[in-house]
Amino acid sequence: MLTPAEVLNAYFLETRCQLLEIGATLDRLDRAAAPGTAAKGLADERLAKIYQSLALLAERETTPDRAERLLNLFSDPA
């Protein structure tokens, strides 16, 4: 099993890249929205799930089952 420092060393750059891609996608959504509005106001369940997943990932004090919780979130048909 890897130590926390080894995990960061191994996965930091890849994770950083993925987070940058998420930020870029959200920027594209905002630019595509009507002038003066933000994509956050879109009534689209997929976008709502993206924001829910970001909130889930931002929880510092949580159990180590984030991936499972994300899978459940995105597999929920609602």
N, C-alpha and C. Protein backbone atom coordinates (compact mmCIF):
# COMPACT_ATOMS: atom_id res chain seq x y z
N MET A 1 0.84 -1.17 0.00
CA MET A 1 0.00 0.00 0.00
C MET A 1 0.89 1.24 0.00
N LEU A 2 0.47 2.24 -0.76
CA LEU A 2 1.24 3.47 -0.86
C LEU A 2 0.97 4.38 0.33
N THR A 3 1.95 5.20 0.65
CA THR A 3 1.76 6.23 1.67
C THR A 3 1.01 7.41 1.04
N PRO A 4 0.43 8.30 1.85
CA PRO A 4 -0.22 9.47 1.26
C PRO A 4 0.70 10.29 0.36
N ALA A 5 1.95 10.46 0.77
CA ALA A 5 2.90 11.21 -0.06
C ALA A 5 3.16 10.51 -1.39
N GLU A 6 3.24 9.19 -1.37
CA GLU A 6 3.45 8.44 -2.61
C GLU A 6 2.24 8.54 -3.54
N VAL A 7 1.05 8.53 -2.96
CA VAL A 7 -0.16 8.70 -3.78
C VAL A 7 -0.14 10.06 -4.47
N LEU A 8 0.19 11.11 -3.71
CA LEU A 8 0.26 12.45 -4.32
C LEU A 8 1.32 12.51 -5.40
N ASN A 9 2.48 11.93 -5.12
CA ASN A 9 3.55 11.92 -6.12
C ASN A 9 3.12 11.20 -7.40
N ALA A 10 2.39 10.13 -7.24
CA ALA A 10 2.00 9.31 -8.40
C ALA A 10 0.85 9.92 -9.19
N TYR A 11 -0.08 10.59 -8.52
CA TYR A 11 -1.33 10.98 -9.18
C TYR A 11 -1.61 12.47 -9.26
N PHE A 12 -0.76 13.31 -8.69
CA PHE A 12 -1.05 14.74 -8.64
C PHE A 12 -1.23 15.35 -10.03
N LEU A 13 -0.29 15.14 -10.92
CA LEU A 13 -0.36 15.78 -12.24
C LEU A 13 -1.58 15.32 -13.04
N GLU A 14 -1.89 14.04 -12.99
CA GLU A 14 -3.06 13.52 -13.70
C GLU A 14 -4.35 14.12 -13.12
N THR A 15 -4.43 14.19 -11.80
CA THR A 15 -5.61 14.75 -11.15
C THR A 15 -5.74 16.23 -11.47
N ARG A 16 -4.63 16.94 -11.43
CA ARG A 16 -4.63 18.37 -11.79
C ARG A 16 -5.16 18.57 -13.20
N CYS A 17 -4.72 17.74 -14.12
CA CYS A 17 -5.17 17.82 -15.51
C CYS A 17 -6.68 17.60 -15.61
N GLN A 18 -7.18 16.60 -14.89
CA GLN A 18 -8.61 16.31 -14.93
C GLN A 18 -9.43 17.46 -14.35
N LEU A 19 -8.93 18.06 -13.27
CA LEU A 19 -9.64 19.20 -12.67
C LEU A 19 -9.63 20.41 -13.61
N LEU A 20 -8.52 20.63 -14.29
CA LEU A 20 -8.46 21.72 -15.27
C LEU A 20 -9.45 21.49 -16.40
N GLU A 21 -9.59 20.25 -16.83
CA GLU A 21 -10.56 19.93 -17.89
C GLU A 21 -11.98 20.19 -17.42
N ILE A 22 -12.29 19.85 -16.17
CA ILE A 22 -13.63 20.14 -15.63
C ILE A 22 -13.86 21.64 -15.61
N GLY A 23 -12.88 22.40 -15.14
CA GLY A 23 -13.01 23.85 -15.13
C GLY A 23 -13.21 24.42 -16.52
N ALA A 24 -12.49 23.89 -17.49
CA ALA A 24 -12.62 24.36 -18.87
C ALA A 24 -14.01 24.04 -19.43
N THR A 25 -14.53 22.87 -19.11
CA THR A 25 -15.88 22.50 -19.58
C THR A 25 -16.92 23.43 -18.98
N LEU A 26 -16.81 23.72 -17.68
CA LEU A 26 -17.76 24.64 -17.06
C LEU A 26 -17.64 26.04 -17.65
N ASP A 27 -16.42 26.48 -17.97
CA ASP A 27 -16.23 27.76 -18.65
C ASP A 27 -16.92 27.77 -20.01
N ARG A 28 -16.79 26.67 -20.77
CA ARG A 28 -17.45 26.58 -22.08
C ARG A 28 -18.96 26.67 -21.93
N LEU A 29 -19.51 26.01 -20.92
CA LEU A 29 -20.95 26.07 -20.68
C LEU A 29 -21.39 27.50 -20.37
N ASP A 30 -20.63 28.18 -19.52
CA ASP A 30 -20.97 29.56 -19.18
C ASP A 30 -20.89 30.47 -20.40
N ARG A 31 -19.87 30.28 -21.24
CA ARG A 31 -19.75 31.11 -22.44
C ARG A 31 -20.86 30.82 -23.44
N ALA A 32 -21.35 29.59 -23.46
CA ALA A 32 -22.41 29.20 -24.39
C ALA A 32 -23.78 29.67 -23.92
N ALA A 33 -23.91 30.01 -22.64
CA ALA A 33 -25.19 30.47 -22.10
C ALA A 33 -25.51 31.86 -22.66
N ALA A 34 -26.76 32.22 -22.58
CA ALA A 34 -27.18 33.54 -23.05
C ALA A 34 -26.41 34.63 -22.30
N PRO A 35 -26.12 35.74 -22.96
CA PRO A 35 -25.40 36.83 -22.30
C PRO A 35 -26.12 37.28 -21.02
N GLY A 36 -25.33 37.48 -19.97
CA GLY A 36 -25.89 37.93 -18.70
C GLY A 36 -26.42 36.81 -17.83
N THR A 37 -26.34 35.56 -18.31
CA THR A 37 -26.78 34.42 -17.50
C THR A 37 -25.62 33.46 -17.35
N ALA A 38 -25.74 32.55 -16.44
CA ALA A 38 -24.71 31.52 -16.25
C ALA A 38 -25.31 30.16 -16.54
N ALA A 39 -24.47 29.24 -16.97
CA ALA A 39 -24.94 27.89 -17.27
C ALA A 39 -25.49 27.21 -16.03
N LYS A 40 -25.09 27.69 -14.83
CA LYS A 40 -25.58 27.08 -13.59
C LYS A 40 -27.10 27.14 -13.53
N GLY A 41 -27.70 28.09 -14.23
CA GLY A 41 -29.14 28.23 -14.23
C GLY A 41 -29.85 27.28 -15.17
N LEU A 42 -29.11 26.52 -15.95
CA LEU A 42 -29.72 25.57 -16.87
C LEU A 42 -30.50 24.51 -16.10
N ALA A 43 -31.65 24.18 -16.59
CA ALA A 43 -32.45 23.13 -15.96
C ALA A 43 -32.09 21.79 -16.61
N ASP A 44 -30.88 21.35 -16.37
CA ASP A 44 -30.39 20.10 -16.94
C ASP A 44 -29.86 19.24 -15.81
N GLU A 45 -30.44 18.07 -15.66
CA GLU A 45 -30.05 17.17 -14.57
C GLU A 45 -28.59 16.76 -14.66
N ARG A 46 -28.03 16.67 -15.85
CA ARG A 46 -26.62 16.30 -15.99
C ARG A 46 -25.71 17.34 -15.36
N LEU A 47 -26.02 18.61 -15.61
CA LEU A 47 -25.22 19.68 -15.03
C LEU A 47 -25.38 19.70 -13.51
N ALA A 48 -26.59 19.45 -13.04
CA ALA A 48 -26.83 19.38 -11.60
C ALA A 48 -25.98 18.27 -10.98
N LYS A 49 -25.87 17.15 -11.66
CA LYS A 49 -25.07 16.04 -11.14
C LYS A 49 -23.58 16.38 -11.13
N ILE A 50 -23.13 17.15 -12.11
CA ILE A 50 -21.74 17.58 -12.11
C ILE A 50 -21.45 18.42 -10.88
N TYR A 51 -22.34 19.39 -10.59
CA TYR A 51 -22.14 20.23 -9.41
C TYR A 51 -22.28 19.43 -8.12
N GLN A 52 -23.18 18.45 -8.08
CA GLN A 52 -23.30 17.59 -6.90
C GLN A 52 -22.02 16.78 -6.70
N SER A 53 -21.44 16.31 -7.79
CA SER A 53 -20.22 15.52 -7.67
C SER A 53 -19.06 16.39 -7.19
N LEU A 54 -19.00 17.65 -7.63
CA LEU A 54 -17.95 18.54 -7.15
C LEU A 54 -18.09 18.81 -5.66
N ALA A 55 -19.32 18.97 -5.19
CA ALA A 55 -19.56 19.16 -3.76
C ALA A 55 -19.14 17.92 -2.98
N LEU A 56 -19.47 16.76 -3.50
CA LEU A 56 -19.09 15.51 -2.85
C LEU A 56 -17.57 15.42 -2.74
N LEU A 57 -16.86 15.76 -3.81
CA LEU A 57 -15.41 15.67 -3.81
C LEU A 57 -14.76 16.71 -2.91
N ALA A 58 -15.44 17.83 -2.69
CA ALA A 58 -14.89 18.90 -1.87
C ALA A 58 -15.00 18.62 -0.37
N GLU A 59 -15.73 17.60 0.03
CA GLU A 59 -15.86 17.26 1.44
C GLU A 59 -14.52 16.74 1.97
N ARG A 60 -13.89 17.49 2.85
CA ARG A 60 -12.59 17.07 3.40
C ARG A 60 -12.75 15.97 4.44
N GLU A 61 -13.78 16.07 5.25
CA GLU A 61 -14.01 15.08 6.31
C GLU A 61 -15.08 14.10 5.83
N THR A 62 -14.65 13.01 5.22
CA THR A 62 -15.58 12.04 4.67
C THR A 62 -14.97 10.65 4.73
N THR A 63 -15.72 9.66 4.34
CA THR A 63 -15.21 8.30 4.29
C THR A 63 -14.53 8.06 2.95
N PRO A 64 -13.61 7.10 2.89
CA PRO A 64 -12.88 6.86 1.64
C PRO A 64 -13.67 6.03 0.62
N ASP A 65 -14.88 6.48 0.33
CA ASP A 65 -15.70 5.79 -0.68
C ASP A 65 -16.25 6.77 -1.70
N ARG A 66 -15.46 7.80 -2.00
CA ARG A 66 -15.92 8.84 -2.93
C ARG A 66 -16.24 8.27 -4.31
N ALA A 67 -15.40 7.40 -4.81
CA ALA A 67 -15.63 6.85 -6.15
C ALA A 67 -16.95 6.09 -6.20
N GLU A 68 -17.22 5.30 -5.17
CA GLU A 68 -18.49 4.57 -5.13
C GLU A 68 -19.67 5.53 -5.06
N ARG A 69 -19.54 6.57 -4.26
CA ARG A 69 -20.63 7.55 -4.14
C ARG A 69 -20.85 8.29 -5.47
N LEU A 70 -19.77 8.57 -6.19
CA LEU A 70 -19.91 9.20 -7.51
C LEU A 70 -20.59 8.26 -8.49
N LEU A 71 -20.20 7.00 -8.47
CA LEU A 71 -20.85 6.02 -9.35
C LEU A 71 -22.34 5.94 -9.07
N ASN A 72 -22.70 5.93 -7.79
CA ASN A 72 -24.13 5.91 -7.43
C ASN A 72 -24.84 7.17 -7.90
N LEU A 73 -24.19 8.32 -7.74
CA LEU A 73 -24.79 9.57 -8.18
C LEU A 73 -25.07 9.56 -9.68
N PHE A 74 -24.10 9.13 -10.46
CA PHE A 74 -24.25 9.16 -11.92
C PHE A 74 -25.07 8.00 -12.46
N SER A 75 -25.28 6.96 -11.66
CA SER A 75 -26.11 5.85 -12.14
C SER A 75 -27.57 6.04 -11.76
N ASP A 76 -27.85 7.00 -10.88
CA ASP A 76 -29.23 7.30 -10.49
C ASP A 76 -29.96 7.84 -11.71
N PRO A 77 -31.07 7.22 -12.11
CA PRO A 77 -31.77 7.66 -13.33
C PRO A 77 -32.42 9.02 -13.22
N ALA A 78 -32.58 9.55 -12.02
CA ALA A 78 -33.24 10.86 -11.86
C ALA A 78 -32.37 11.99 -12.31
